[in-house]
Amino acid sequence: MSERMKRDWWIPGAIALIGAGIAFGFLSHSNRVDEGQDPSLLADVAATGLALVVLPILGLLLRRAHPGWTFWMVLPAILVSLSPLLWLGDAVRDHGALMLLIPAAGIVTLIGALTNLAHASVAEGAQPSTAT
């Protein structure tokens, strides 16, 4: 396995969470319209987009330079992705077994972000000090 593959294996899970964040924004808007409300699409998408799309994208862009920031930026998307586990029976009944892919992507992303952070901290600790 190449070094890049060892380091970046979890990125597809994070990308799946970003896609789910976009879908949640549009579904939230659609549900509110169906309930008779007249919400702004921009406000609905922006509200979910910040925590579920923008922060994870920034985290992925900074994953090598600032792995600690990456963890905290992907954490909101991870926590939201785990929510179907709270109502697993209803989620599978209402939306099918595909609903299980969202928590799976969240768990993979969580493990990957923690692994990325651990690798970076070990690499930093192994470097000799240049301070005199």
N, C-alpha and C. Protein backbone atom coordinates (compact mmCIF):
# COMPACT_ATOMS: atom_id res chain seq x y z
N MET A 1 0.86 -1.17 0.00
CA MET A 1 0.00 0.00 0.00
C MET A 1 0.90 1.24 0.00
N SER A 2 0.59 2.17 -0.84
CA SER A 2 1.42 3.37 -0.93
C SER A 2 1.28 4.23 0.33
N GLU A 3 2.28 5.07 0.56
CA GLU A 3 2.26 5.95 1.73
C GLU A 3 1.04 6.88 1.69
N ARG A 4 0.72 7.38 0.51
CA ARG A 4 -0.43 8.29 0.38
C ARG A 4 -1.72 7.57 0.74
N MET A 5 -1.86 6.32 0.28
CA MET A 5 -3.07 5.55 0.57
C MET A 5 -3.18 5.27 2.07
N LYS A 6 -2.06 4.99 2.72
CA LYS A 6 -2.07 4.76 4.16
C LYS A 6 -2.51 6.00 4.92
N ARG A 7 -2.13 7.17 4.41
CA ARG A 7 -2.41 8.43 5.11
C ARG A 7 -3.81 8.94 4.81
N ASP A 8 -4.31 8.73 3.60
CA ASP A 8 -5.56 9.38 3.16
C ASP A 8 -6.73 8.42 2.94
N TRP A 9 -6.70 7.23 3.53
CA TRP A 9 -7.75 6.24 3.29
C TRP A 9 -9.13 6.71 3.75
N TRP A 10 -9.21 7.63 4.67
CA TRP A 10 -10.47 8.05 5.27
C TRP A 10 -11.13 9.21 4.53
N ILE A 11 -10.45 9.80 3.56
CA ILE A 11 -10.98 10.97 2.85
C ILE A 11 -12.32 10.69 2.15
N PRO A 12 -12.52 9.53 1.50
CA PRO A 12 -13.85 9.29 0.89
C PRO A 12 -15.00 9.34 1.89
N GLY A 13 -14.78 8.90 3.13
CA GLY A 13 -15.82 9.00 4.15
C GLY A 13 -16.17 10.44 4.44
N ALA A 14 -15.15 11.29 4.54
CA ALA A 14 -15.39 12.72 4.79
C ALA A 14 -16.13 13.35 3.61
N ILE A 15 -15.76 12.96 2.40
CA ILE A 15 -16.45 13.50 1.21
C ILE A 15 -17.90 13.05 1.19
N ALA A 16 -18.16 11.81 1.60
CA ALA A 16 -19.55 11.33 1.68
C ALA A 16 -20.34 12.15 2.70
N LEU A 17 -19.71 12.51 3.82
CA LEU A 17 -20.40 13.34 4.82
C LEU A 17 -20.69 14.73 4.27
N ILE A 18 -19.78 15.26 3.48
CA ILE A 18 -20.01 16.57 2.86
C ILE A 18 -21.22 16.49 1.92
N GLY A 19 -21.27 15.41 1.13
CA GLY A 19 -22.43 15.21 0.25
C GLY A 19 -23.72 15.06 1.04
N ALA A 20 -23.66 14.34 2.16
CA ALA A 20 -24.84 14.19 3.01
C ALA A 20 -25.26 15.54 3.58
N GLY A 21 -24.29 16.39 3.93
CA GLY A 21 -24.60 17.72 4.44
C GLY A 21 -25.34 18.56 3.42
N ILE A 22 -24.91 18.48 2.16
CA ILE A 22 -25.61 19.21 1.09
C ILE A 22 -27.03 18.67 0.94
N ALA A 23 -27.17 17.35 0.95
CA ALA A 23 -28.50 16.74 0.82
C ALA A 23 -29.39 17.13 2.00
N PHE A 24 -28.84 17.13 3.22
CA PHE A 24 -29.63 17.52 4.39
C PHE A 24 -30.13 18.95 4.28
N GLY A 25 -29.31 19.84 3.75
CA GLY A 25 -29.73 21.22 3.57
C GLY A 25 -30.93 21.34 2.66
N PHE A 26 -30.88 20.64 1.53
CA PHE A 26 -32.00 20.70 0.59
C PHE A 26 -33.22 19.96 1.11
N LEU A 27 -33.01 18.83 1.80
CA LEU A 27 -34.15 18.09 2.37
C LEU A 27 -34.82 18.89 3.48
N SER A 28 -34.02 19.58 4.29
CA SER A 28 -34.59 20.42 5.34
C SER A 28 -35.48 21.50 4.73
N HIS A 29 -34.99 22.12 3.68
CA HIS A 29 -35.78 23.16 3.01
C HIS A 29 -37.06 22.56 2.43
N SER A 30 -36.94 21.42 1.77
CA SER A 30 -38.10 20.78 1.16
C SER A 30 -39.13 20.40 2.21
N ASN A 31 -38.69 19.86 3.34
CA ASN A 31 -39.63 19.49 4.42
C ASN A 31 -40.35 20.71 4.98
N ARG A 32 -39.64 21.80 5.14
CA ARG A 32 -40.27 23.01 5.68
C ARG A 32 -41.27 23.59 4.70
N VAL A 33 -40.98 23.51 3.41
CA VAL A 33 -41.94 23.98 2.41
C VAL A 33 -43.18 23.10 2.42
N ASP A 34 -42.99 21.77 2.56
CA ASP A 34 -44.12 20.84 2.62
C ASP A 34 -45.00 21.09 3.84
N GLU A 35 -44.41 21.61 4.91
CA GLU A 35 -45.17 21.90 6.13
C GLU A 35 -45.90 23.24 6.05
N GLY A 36 -45.79 23.93 4.93
CA GLY A 36 -46.49 25.19 4.74
C GLY A 36 -45.70 26.42 5.12
N GLN A 37 -44.47 26.25 5.51
CA GLN A 37 -43.63 27.40 5.84
C GLN A 37 -43.05 27.97 4.54
N ASP A 38 -42.56 29.19 4.61
CA ASP A 38 -41.95 29.81 3.44
C ASP A 38 -40.51 30.21 3.78
N PRO A 39 -39.65 29.20 3.98
CA PRO A 39 -38.28 29.52 4.39
C PRO A 39 -37.42 29.93 3.19
N SER A 40 -36.37 30.61 3.50
CA SER A 40 -35.41 30.99 2.48
C SER A 40 -34.50 29.78 2.22
N LEU A 41 -34.37 29.40 0.97
CA LEU A 41 -33.48 28.28 0.61
C LEU A 41 -32.05 28.60 1.03
N LEU A 42 -31.63 29.83 0.81
CA LEU A 42 -30.27 30.22 1.16
C LEU A 42 -30.02 30.07 2.65
N ALA A 43 -30.99 30.48 3.48
CA ALA A 43 -30.82 30.37 4.93
C ALA A 43 -30.75 28.91 5.37
N ASP A 44 -31.61 28.06 4.81
CA ASP A 44 -31.62 26.64 5.18
C ASP A 44 -30.31 25.97 4.78
N VAL A 45 -29.88 26.21 3.57
CA VAL A 45 -28.66 25.57 3.08
C VAL A 45 -27.45 26.13 3.81
N ALA A 46 -27.45 27.43 4.10
CA ALA A 46 -26.32 28.03 4.81
C ALA A 46 -26.22 27.51 6.24
N ALA A 47 -27.36 27.32 6.90
CA ALA A 47 -27.34 26.86 8.29
C ALA A 47 -26.74 25.46 8.39
N THR A 48 -27.19 24.55 7.55
CA THR A 48 -26.63 23.20 7.59
C THR A 48 -25.28 23.15 6.89
N GLY A 49 -25.10 24.00 5.91
CA GLY A 49 -23.87 23.96 5.13
C GLY A 49 -22.63 24.33 5.91
N LEU A 50 -22.76 25.26 6.87
CA LEU A 50 -21.58 25.68 7.62
C LEU A 50 -20.98 24.50 8.39
N ALA A 51 -21.81 23.83 9.19
CA ALA A 51 -21.30 22.75 10.03
C ALA A 51 -21.05 21.47 9.25
N LEU A 52 -21.83 21.22 8.21
CA LEU A 52 -21.76 19.93 7.54
C LEU A 52 -21.01 19.95 6.21
N VAL A 53 -20.70 21.13 5.68
CA VAL A 53 -20.03 21.20 4.39
C VAL A 53 -18.77 22.05 4.47
N VAL A 54 -18.90 23.29 4.88
CA VAL A 54 -17.76 24.22 4.85
C VAL A 54 -16.65 23.80 5.82
N LEU A 55 -17.01 23.51 7.07
CA LEU A 55 -15.98 23.12 8.05
C LEU A 55 -15.25 21.84 7.64
N PRO A 56 -15.95 20.77 7.21
CA PRO A 56 -15.20 19.59 6.77
C PRO A 56 -14.31 19.84 5.55
N ILE A 57 -14.76 20.66 4.62
CA ILE A 57 -13.92 20.96 3.46
C ILE A 57 -12.65 21.68 3.91
N LEU A 58 -12.80 22.66 4.79
CA LEU A 58 -11.62 23.35 5.32
C LEU A 58 -10.71 22.38 6.08
N GLY A 59 -11.32 21.49 6.84
CA GLY A 59 -10.53 20.50 7.57
C GLY A 59 -9.73 19.61 6.64
N LEU A 60 -10.35 19.18 5.55
CA LEU A 60 -9.63 18.33 4.59
C LEU A 60 -8.50 19.09 3.91
N LEU A 61 -8.73 20.37 3.64
CA LEU A 61 -7.68 21.17 3.01
C LEU A 61 -6.49 21.37 3.94
N LEU A 62 -6.76 21.40 5.26
CA LEU A 62 -5.71 21.65 6.24
C LEU A 62 -5.20 20.39 6.92
N ARG A 63 -5.62 19.20 6.46
CA ARG A 63 -5.36 17.97 7.19
C ARG A 63 -3.89 17.67 7.41
N ARG A 64 -3.03 18.09 6.51
CA ARG A 64 -1.60 17.80 6.70
C ARG A 64 -0.92 18.87 7.53
N ALA A 65 -1.26 20.11 7.28
CA ALA A 65 -0.59 21.21 7.99
C ALA A 65 -1.09 21.34 9.43
N HIS A 66 -2.36 21.11 9.65
CA HIS A 66 -2.96 21.29 10.98
C HIS A 66 -3.94 20.15 11.28
N PRO A 67 -3.43 18.95 11.59
CA PRO A 67 -4.33 17.82 11.83
C PRO A 67 -5.28 18.03 13.00
N GLY A 68 -4.86 18.79 14.02
CA GLY A 68 -5.75 19.07 15.14
C GLY A 68 -6.95 19.89 14.71
N TRP A 69 -6.71 20.87 13.87
CA TRP A 69 -7.82 21.68 13.34
C TRP A 69 -8.75 20.80 12.52
N THR A 70 -8.18 19.88 11.74
CA THR A 70 -8.99 18.99 10.91
C THR A 70 -9.98 18.24 11.79
N PHE A 71 -9.50 17.69 12.89
CA PHE A 71 -10.38 16.92 13.76
C PHE A 71 -11.55 17.77 14.23
N TRP A 72 -11.29 18.97 14.72
CA TRP A 72 -12.36 19.82 15.25
C TRP A 72 -13.27 20.34 14.15
N MET A 73 -12.77 20.47 12.92
CA MET A 73 -13.63 20.94 11.83
C MET A 73 -14.54 19.84 11.29
N VAL A 74 -14.10 18.58 11.33
CA VAL A 74 -14.96 17.51 10.84
C VAL A 74 -15.88 16.96 11.93
N LEU A 75 -15.60 17.29 13.20
CA LEU A 75 -16.39 16.75 14.31
C LEU A 75 -17.89 17.06 14.22
N PRO A 76 -18.32 18.30 13.88
CA PRO A 76 -19.78 18.52 13.77
C PRO A 76 -20.46 17.61 12.75
N ALA A 77 -19.82 17.42 11.59
CA ALA A 77 -20.40 16.54 10.58
C ALA A 77 -20.44 15.09 11.08
N ILE A 78 -19.40 14.69 11.80
CA ILE A 78 -19.36 13.33 12.35
C ILE A 78 -20.49 13.13 13.35
N LEU A 79 -20.68 14.08 14.25
CA LEU A 79 -21.73 13.95 15.26
C LEU A 79 -23.12 13.88 14.63
N VAL A 80 -23.37 14.71 13.62
CA VAL A 80 -24.66 14.66 12.94
C VAL A 80 -24.84 13.33 12.22
N SER A 81 -23.75 12.82 11.63
CA SER A 81 -23.85 11.56 10.89
C SER A 81 -24.17 10.38 11.81
N LEU A 82 -23.84 10.48 13.09
CA LEU A 82 -24.12 9.40 14.02
C LEU A 82 -25.56 9.42 14.54
N SER A 83 -26.28 10.50 14.29
CA SER A 83 -27.64 10.63 14.83
C SER A 83 -28.59 9.52 14.37
N PRO A 84 -28.49 8.98 13.14
CA PRO A 84 -29.41 7.88 12.80
C PRO A 84 -29.28 6.66 13.71
N LEU A 85 -28.13 6.52 14.40
CA LEU A 85 -27.99 5.39 15.32
C LEU A 85 -28.94 5.50 16.49
N LEU A 86 -29.39 6.73 16.82
CA LEU A 86 -30.32 6.93 17.93
C LEU A 86 -31.71 6.42 17.60
N TRP A 87 -32.07 6.44 16.34
CA TRP A 87 -33.39 5.99 15.92
C TRP A 87 -33.24 5.00 14.77
N LEU A 88 -32.36 4.02 14.98
CA LEU A 88 -31.96 3.10 13.93
C LEU A 88 -33.13 2.34 13.32
N GLY A 89 -34.00 1.78 14.15
CA GLY A 89 -35.13 1.02 13.62
C GLY A 89 -36.02 1.87 12.72
N ASP A 90 -36.34 3.08 13.19
CA ASP A 90 -37.18 3.97 12.40
C ASP A 90 -36.47 4.41 11.13
N ALA A 91 -35.18 4.68 11.21
CA ALA A 91 -34.43 5.14 10.04
C ALA A 91 -34.41 4.09 8.95
N VAL A 92 -34.16 2.84 9.34
CA VAL A 92 -34.11 1.75 8.35
C VAL A 92 -35.51 1.50 7.78
N ARG A 93 -36.53 1.55 8.64
CA ARG A 93 -37.90 1.33 8.16
C ARG A 93 -38.35 2.43 7.20
N ASP A 94 -38.05 3.69 7.55
CA ASP A 94 -38.52 4.81 6.75
C ASP A 94 -37.67 5.08 5.52
N HIS A 95 -36.36 4.86 5.62
CA HIS A 95 -35.46 5.25 4.54
C HIS A 95 -34.67 4.10 3.95
N GLY A 96 -34.78 2.92 4.50
CA GLY A 96 -34.06 1.77 3.98
C GLY A 96 -32.69 1.61 4.60
N ALA A 97 -32.07 0.49 4.27
CA ALA A 97 -30.77 0.14 4.86
C ALA A 97 -29.67 1.10 4.42
N LEU A 98 -29.89 1.85 3.35
CA LEU A 98 -28.88 2.82 2.92
C LEU A 98 -28.62 3.88 3.99
N MET A 99 -29.60 4.07 4.89
CA MET A 99 -29.43 5.03 5.97
C MET A 99 -28.25 4.64 6.86
N LEU A 100 -27.88 3.36 6.88
CA LEU A 100 -26.75 2.91 7.69
C LEU A 100 -25.41 3.39 7.13
N LEU A 101 -25.38 3.80 5.86
CA LEU A 101 -24.13 4.28 5.28
C LEU A 101 -23.70 5.61 5.87
N ILE A 102 -24.64 6.42 6.31
CA ILE A 102 -24.29 7.73 6.87
C ILE A 102 -23.51 7.57 8.18
N PRO A 103 -24.00 6.78 9.17
CA PRO A 103 -23.17 6.59 10.37
C PRO A 103 -21.87 5.86 10.06
N ALA A 104 -21.88 4.94 9.09
CA ALA A 104 -20.65 4.25 8.74
C ALA A 104 -19.61 5.23 8.22
N ALA A 105 -20.03 6.17 7.36
CA ALA A 105 -19.11 7.20 6.86
C ALA A 105 -18.61 8.07 8.00
N GLY A 106 -19.49 8.37 8.96
CA GLY A 106 -19.08 9.18 10.11
C GLY A 106 -18.07 8.47 10.98
N ILE A 107 -18.28 7.17 11.22
CA ILE A 107 -17.35 6.40 12.04
C ILE A 107 -15.99 6.30 11.35
N VAL A 108 -16.00 6.01 10.04
CA VAL A 108 -14.74 5.94 9.28
C VAL A 108 -14.01 7.28 9.33
N THR A 109 -14.75 8.36 9.17
CA THR A 109 -14.14 9.69 9.20
C THR A 109 -13.58 10.00 10.59
N LEU A 110 -14.31 9.65 11.64
CA LEU A 110 -13.83 9.87 13.00
C LEU A 110 -12.53 9.11 13.25
N ILE A 111 -12.51 7.84 12.90
CA ILE A 111 -11.31 7.03 13.10
C ILE A 111 -10.15 7.58 12.27
N GLY A 112 -10.45 7.97 11.03
CA GLY A 112 -9.40 8.52 10.18
C GLY A 112 -8.85 9.84 10.69
N ALA A 113 -9.73 10.71 11.15
CA ALA A 113 -9.27 12.00 11.67
C ALA A 113 -8.43 11.81 12.92
N LEU A 114 -8.83 10.88 13.79
CA LEU A 114 -8.04 10.60 14.99
C LEU A 114 -6.70 9.96 14.63
N THR A 115 -6.71 9.06 13.65
CA THR A 115 -5.46 8.44 13.19
C THR A 115 -4.54 9.48 12.59
N ASN A 116 -5.10 10.38 11.79
CA ASN A 116 -4.32 11.46 11.19
C ASN A 116 -3.68 12.32 12.29
N LEU A 117 -4.45 12.64 13.31
CA LEU A 117 -3.95 13.42 14.43
C LEU A 117 -2.85 12.67 15.19
N ALA A 118 -3.05 11.38 15.40
CA ALA A 118 -2.05 10.58 16.11
C ALA A 118 -0.76 10.48 15.31
N HIS A 119 -0.87 10.25 13.99
CA HIS A 119 0.33 10.18 13.15
C HIS A 119 1.09 11.50 13.19
N ALA A 120 0.37 12.59 13.14
CA ALA A 120 1.03 13.90 13.15
C ALA A 120 1.71 14.16 14.49
N SER A 121 1.07 13.76 15.58
CA SER A 121 1.68 14.00 16.89
C SER A 121 2.91 13.12 17.09
N VAL A 122 2.89 11.89 16.58
CA VAL A 122 4.06 11.02 16.67
C VAL A 122 5.19 11.58 15.81
N ALA A 123 4.84 12.05 14.60
CA ALA A 123 5.86 12.61 13.70
C ALA A 123 6.49 13.86 14.32
N GLU A 124 5.68 14.69 14.97
CA GLU A 124 6.21 15.89 15.61
C GLU A 124 7.10 15.53 16.79
N GLY A 125 6.72 14.51 17.54
CA GLY A 125 7.51 14.10 18.69
C GLY A 125 8.83 13.46 18.30
N ALA A 126 8.90 12.87 17.11
CA ALA A 126 10.10 12.19 16.67
C ALA A 126 11.15 13.13 16.10
N GLN A 127 10.75 14.34 15.77
CA GLN A 127 11.69 15.29 15.19
C GLN A 127 12.60 15.84 16.27
N PRO A 128 13.90 15.96 15.94
CA PRO A 128 14.81 16.52 16.94
C PRO A 128 14.54 18.01 17.14
N SER A 129 14.76 18.45 18.35
CA SER A 129 14.54 19.86 18.68
C SER A 129 15.65 20.71 18.07
N THR A 130 15.26 21.83 17.46
CA THR A 130 16.24 22.73 16.85
C THR A 130 16.54 23.92 17.76
N ALA A 131 15.87 23.99 18.92
CA ALA A 131 16.09 25.10 19.84
C ALA A 131 17.44 24.93 20.53
N THR A 132 18.14 26.00 20.68
CA THR A 132 19.44 25.94 21.36
C THR A 132 19.44 26.77 22.60
